[in-house]
Amino acid sequence: MKEAWSLYKQNFVSSNLIFYSFLGVDLVLVYGLYLLVQLPHQTIVHLIATFLNVLVVALIFLAYTVSLKLQVYFDLSYRNSLKLSLIGIFMSLVAVAKVLLGTVLLVAIGYYMPALLFFVGIGMWHFFISDMLEPVYESIHEKLATK
């Protein structure tokens, strides 16, 4: 029982540290996006900066989803988990695009059926990303096994 409790505490701290790191970066970027769209006299430079900001917010979200998948299979330090999740986005672009599209669809379904999102949304999303990100795990596992 003590061993289980110590493992829980260790994984709780490391998982929350990664979550709040990604959340903090995303919140700063979203706030920057909020301020960026309110600037007067929008030019093409503002449009490009807005597009890049939205792209980076999406990439940070996808890196968090990859880190969720990698935490299940690997025991990584905080720094290595961040690096590997950012690299893992580009291991299988098709799988990551499916995760992004599926997440948008789940949010849209949740908008029209909030009770469904409330009761089964998070679990459904976790099962979804677990299945969709399997090629990313396999690619990373294959590259690590060769070393």
Protein backbone atom coordinates (compact mmCIF):
# COMPACT_ATOMS: atom_id res chain seq x y z
CA MET A 1 0.00 0.00 0.00
CA LYS A 2 2.85 2.38 0.81
CA GLU A 3 4.52 1.65 -2.49
CA ALA A 4 1.31 2.36 -4.38
CA TRP A 5 0.85 5.65 -2.52
CA SER A 6 4.42 6.75 -3.23
CA LEU A 7 4.02 5.90 -6.94
CA TYR A 8 0.76 7.85 -7.00
CA LYS A 9 2.37 10.90 -5.41
CA GLN A 10 5.35 10.77 -7.75
CA ASN A 11 3.21 10.42 -10.89
CA PHE A 12 0.71 13.01 -9.66
CA VAL A 13 3.40 15.64 -9.25
CA SER A 14 5.14 14.92 -12.56
CA SER A 15 1.88 14.74 -14.52
CA ASN A 16 0.57 17.97 -13.07
CA LEU A 17 3.90 19.69 -13.66
CA ILE A 18 3.75 18.83 -17.35
CA PHE A 19 0.06 19.78 -17.60
CA TYR A 20 0.53 23.16 -15.96
CA SER A 21 3.63 23.87 -18.04
CA PHE A 22 1.73 23.34 -21.27
CA LEU A 23 -1.31 25.17 -19.90
CA GLY A 24 0.78 28.16 -18.83
CA VAL A 25 2.42 28.50 -22.24
CA ASP A 26 -0.94 28.08 -23.97
CA LEU A 27 -2.63 30.69 -21.77
CA VAL A 28 0.11 33.22 -22.46
CA LEU A 29 -0.21 32.60 -26.21
CA VAL A 30 -4.01 32.79 -26.14
CA TYR A 31 -3.83 36.06 -24.21
CA GLY A 32 -1.35 37.36 -26.78
CA LEU A 33 -3.77 36.32 -29.51
CA TYR A 34 -6.58 38.13 -27.70
CA LEU A 35 -4.49 41.30 -27.58
CA LEU A 36 -3.28 40.87 -31.16
CA VAL A 37 -6.75 40.80 -32.71
CA GLN A 38 -7.71 44.00 -30.89
CA LEU A 39 -4.95 46.10 -32.41
CA PRO A 40 -6.21 48.91 -34.65
CA HIS A 41 -5.10 49.22 -38.25
CA GLN A 42 -4.56 45.54 -38.98
CA THR A 43 -1.95 44.86 -41.66
CA ILE A 44 -0.66 41.74 -43.34
CA VAL A 45 2.02 41.49 -40.64
CA HIS A 46 -0.69 41.31 -37.97
CA LEU A 47 -2.50 38.65 -39.97
CA ILE A 48 0.66 36.55 -40.27
CA ALA A 49 1.40 36.98 -36.54
CA THR A 50 -2.16 35.93 -35.69
CA PHE A 51 -1.91 32.85 -37.90
CA LEU A 52 1.44 31.87 -36.38
CA ASN A 53 0.06 32.39 -32.87
CA VAL A 54 -2.91 30.10 -33.59
CA LEU A 55 -0.55 27.53 -35.10
CA VAL A 56 1.73 27.53 -32.04
CA VAL A 57 -1.27 27.23 -29.69
CA ALA A 58 -2.43 24.17 -31.66
CA LEU A 59 1.09 22.68 -31.61
CA ILE A 60 1.37 23.14 -27.83
CA PHE A 61 -2.01 21.43 -27.38
CA LEU A 62 -0.89 18.56 -29.61
CA ALA A 63 2.39 18.27 -27.70
CA TYR A 64 0.37 17.83 -24.51
CA THR A 65 -1.67 15.05 -26.09
CA VAL A 66 1.53 13.31 -27.19
CA SER A 67 2.94 13.66 -23.67
CA LEU A 68 -0.18 11.94 -22.30
CA LYS A 69 0.48 8.98 -24.56
CA LEU A 70 4.20 8.85 -23.75
CA GLN A 71 3.67 9.01 -19.97
CA VAL A 72 1.85 5.69 -20.17
CA TYR A 73 4.77 3.83 -21.74
CA PHE A 74 7.93 5.65 -20.67
CA ASP A 75 9.28 6.86 -17.35
CA LEU A 76 10.78 10.18 -18.44
CA SER A 77 12.16 13.15 -16.58
CA TYR A 78 10.32 16.45 -16.86
CA ARG A 79 12.75 17.92 -19.36
CA ASN A 80 12.90 14.80 -21.53
CA SER A 81 9.12 14.49 -21.47
CA LEU A 82 8.75 18.04 -22.77
CA LYS A 83 11.35 17.52 -25.48
CA LEU A 84 10.02 14.16 -26.60
CA SER A 85 6.42 15.37 -26.71
CA LEU A 86 7.43 18.36 -28.86
CA ILE A 87 9.40 16.07 -31.17
CA GLY A 88 6.63 13.46 -31.16
CA ILE A 89 4.26 15.82 -32.95
CA PHE A 90 6.33 15.47 -36.12
CA MET A 91 6.78 11.69 -35.94
CA SER A 92 3.39 10.97 -37.53
CA LEU A 93 1.70 14.03 -38.96
CA VAL A 94 -1.32 12.05 -40.13
CA ALA A 95 -2.03 10.77 -36.62
CA VAL A 96 -1.59 14.23 -35.13
CA ALA A 97 -3.91 15.75 -37.75
CA LYS A 98 -6.52 13.11 -36.86
CA VAL A 99 -6.18 14.01 -33.19
CA LEU A 100 -6.68 17.71 -33.94
CA LEU A 101 -9.67 17.07 -36.18
CA GLY A 102 -11.20 14.59 -33.74
CA THR A 103 -10.77 16.99 -30.84
CA VAL A 104 -12.48 19.76 -32.80
CA LEU A 105 -15.34 17.38 -33.62
CA LEU A 106 -15.67 16.29 -29.97
CA VAL A 107 -15.80 19.92 -28.86
CA ALA A 108 -18.44 20.66 -31.51
CA ILE A 109 -20.53 17.68 -30.36
CA GLY A 110 -20.07 18.84 -26.78
CA TYR A 111 -21.28 22.30 -27.71
CA TYR A 112 -24.57 20.90 -29.00
CA MET A 113 -24.84 18.16 -26.34
CA PRO A 114 -23.24 19.51 -23.14
CA ALA A 115 -24.43 16.62 -20.97
CA LEU A 116 -22.62 14.16 -23.23
CA LEU A 117 -19.43 16.21 -22.99
CA PHE A 118 -19.77 16.51 -19.23
CA PHE A 119 -20.34 12.83 -18.51
CA VAL A 120 -18.31 11.02 -21.17
CA GLY A 121 -16.29 13.70 -22.95
CA ILE A 122 -12.98 13.44 -21.13
CA GLY A 123 -12.95 9.64 -21.11
CA MET A 124 -13.96 9.49 -24.75
CA TRP A 125 -11.22 11.97 -25.63
CA HIS A 126 -8.57 9.98 -23.74
CA PHE A 127 -9.53 6.74 -25.48
CA PHE A 128 -9.54 8.59 -28.80
CA ILE A 129 -6.06 10.06 -28.42
CA SER A 130 -4.74 6.77 -27.08
CA ASP A 131 -5.84 5.01 -30.26
CA MET A 132 -4.89 7.78 -32.67
CA LEU A 133 -1.40 8.38 -31.26
CA GLU A 134 -0.33 4.74 -31.40
CA PRO A 135 1.82 5.37 -34.53
CA VAL A 136 3.68 8.11 -32.63
CA TYR A 137 4.44 5.73 -29.76
CA GLU A 138 5.51 2.98 -32.16
CA SER A 139 7.81 5.35 -34.02
CA ILE A 140 9.45 6.62 -30.83
CA HIS A 141 9.72 3.10 -29.39
CA GLU A 142 11.32 1.88 -32.62
CA LYS A 143 13.85 4.71 -32.61
CA LEU A 144 14.69 4.16 -28.95
CA ALA A 145 15.01 0.39 -29.40
CA THR A 146 17.63 0.79 -32.11
CA LYS A 147 19.96 2.68 -29.74
